[in-house]
């Protein structure tokens, strides 16, 4: 397995944690959540830079952003009580399907 995908997973988790903490940071007026935001994005972008050494940029960004969108929407629904209507769920399904197509069938995915 390409080690870049491990760094990509770490980047995704760090970005999701940071984005989730943004709501709690209250416009960077609360120090604890603000530090989580800064650290999370720092880790995410550092790991993403490592990913770019072995995974094509388009593939890495598609996976990173697609997974981030879906995970953040699910966290918003679960933790913050935000509603997901049918079009939102269908759209996220298409995002997941698109990432799966890239991973399974594209020759540019680094396999």
Protein backbone atom coordinates (compact mmCIF):
# COMPACT_ATOMS: atom_id res chain seq x y z
CA UNK A 1 0.00 0.00 0.00
CA UNK A 2 1.16 3.49 -0.84
CA UNK A 3 2.21 5.21 2.44
CA UNK A 4 0.73 8.44 1.10
CA UNK A 5 -2.73 7.07 1.81
CA UNK A 6 -1.94 6.75 5.52
CA UNK A 7 -0.92 10.42 5.56
CA UNK A 8 -4.09 11.21 3.63
CA UNK A 9 -6.22 9.50 6.28
CA UNK A 10 -4.45 11.49 9.01
CA UNK A 11 -4.94 14.72 7.03
CA UNK A 12 -8.65 13.99 6.64
CA UNK A 13 -9.15 13.28 10.35
CA UNK A 14 -7.15 16.36 11.39
CA UNK A 15 -9.11 18.58 9.01
CA UNK A 16 -12.44 17.21 10.22
CA UNK A 17 -11.47 17.76 13.87
CA UNK A 18 -10.30 21.30 13.09
CA UNK A 19 -13.41 22.18 11.11
CA UNK A 20 -15.65 20.75 13.83
CA UNK A 21 -13.87 22.88 16.43
CA UNK A 22 -14.42 26.04 14.39
CA UNK A 23 -18.02 26.26 15.59
CA UNK A 24 -16.89 25.98 19.22
CA UNK A 25 -14.13 28.56 18.77
CA UNK A 26 -16.79 31.31 18.51
CA UNK A 27 -14.81 33.34 16.01
CA UNK A 28 -11.49 32.50 17.70
CA UNK A 29 -12.61 34.07 20.97
CA UNK A 30 -12.32 30.81 22.93
CA UNK A 31 -8.67 29.70 23.33
CA UNK A 32 -9.15 25.92 23.70
CA UNK A 33 -11.18 25.31 20.55
CA UNK A 34 -9.08 27.90 18.70
CA UNK A 35 -5.92 25.93 19.47
CA UNK A 36 -7.60 22.75 18.22
CA UNK A 37 -8.48 24.54 14.98
CA UNK A 38 -4.93 25.80 14.45
CA UNK A 39 -3.29 22.49 15.35
CA UNK A 40 -5.75 20.46 13.31
CA UNK A 41 -5.29 22.50 10.17
CA UNK A 42 -1.52 22.56 10.67
CA UNK A 43 -1.40 18.77 10.91
CA UNK A 44 -3.82 18.40 8.00
CA UNK A 45 -1.82 20.56 5.62
CA UNK A 46 1.52 19.09 6.70
CA UNK A 47 0.24 15.55 6.08
CA UNK A 48 -1.36 16.63 2.82
CA UNK A 49 2.03 17.96 1.68
CA UNK A 50 3.49 14.51 2.38
CA UNK A 51 0.68 12.88 0.42
CA UNK A 52 1.60 14.94 -2.64
CA UNK A 53 4.96 13.13 -2.83
CA UNK A 54 3.32 9.86 -3.87
CA UNK A 55 -0.33 10.49 -4.77
CA UNK A 56 -1.36 12.64 -7.75
CA UNK A 57 -2.64 16.02 -6.57
CA UNK A 58 -6.05 15.67 -8.22
CA UNK A 59 -6.68 12.29 -6.66
CA UNK A 60 -5.43 13.35 -3.23
CA UNK A 61 -7.55 16.49 -3.23
CA UNK A 62 -10.65 14.68 -4.48
CA UNK A 63 -10.40 12.13 -1.67
CA UNK A 64 -9.48 14.71 0.98
CA UNK A 65 -12.23 17.14 0.14
CA UNK A 66 -14.87 14.48 -0.58
CA UNK A 67 -14.27 12.63 2.66
CA UNK A 68 -14.13 15.92 4.55
CA UNK A 69 -17.47 17.08 3.14
CA UNK A 70 -19.23 13.86 4.06
CA UNK A 71 -17.67 13.55 7.52
CA UNK A 72 -18.33 17.19 8.43
CA UNK A 73 -21.95 16.89 7.29
CA UNK A 74 -22.37 13.77 9.43
CA UNK A 75 -20.76 15.46 12.45
CA UNK A 76 -22.98 18.51 11.95
CA UNK A 77 -26.00 16.21 11.91
CA UNK A 78 -24.93 14.10 14.88
CA UNK A 79 -23.29 16.65 17.20
CA UNK A 80 -24.90 19.95 16.22
CA UNK A 81 -28.38 18.77 15.29
CA UNK A 82 -28.16 20.02 11.72
CA UNK A 83 -30.65 18.44 9.35
CA UNK A 84 -29.69 16.46 6.28
CA UNK A 85 -32.46 16.35 3.71
CA UNK A 86 -32.75 13.85 0.88
CA UNK A 87 -30.86 15.99 -1.69
CA UNK A 88 -27.98 16.40 0.79
CA UNK A 89 -27.81 12.67 1.45
CA UNK A 90 -27.99 11.89 -2.27
CA UNK A 91 -25.27 14.44 -3.01
CA UNK A 92 -22.99 12.93 -0.38
CA UNK A 93 -23.69 9.50 -1.84
CA UNK A 94 -22.53 10.79 -5.22
CA UNK A 95 -19.37 12.20 -3.63
CA UNK A 96 -18.59 8.83 -2.05
CA UNK A 97 -19.34 7.07 -5.35
CA UNK A 98 -17.03 9.47 -7.20
CA UNK A 99 -14.16 8.83 -4.81
CA UNK A 100 -14.76 5.07 -5.11
CA UNK A 101 -14.67 5.28 -8.92
CA UNK A 102 -11.36 7.16 -8.78
CA UNK A 103 -9.86 4.62 -6.37
CA UNK A 104 -11.15 1.50 -8.08
CA UNK A 105 -10.97 2.32 -11.76
CA UNK A 106 -8.69 5.28 -12.46
CA UNK A 107 -5.13 4.66 -13.57
CA UNK A 108 -4.05 8.02 -12.12
CA UNK A 109 -4.88 7.00 -8.53
CA UNK A 110 -1.36 5.71 -7.96
CA UNK A 111 -2.17 1.98 -8.00
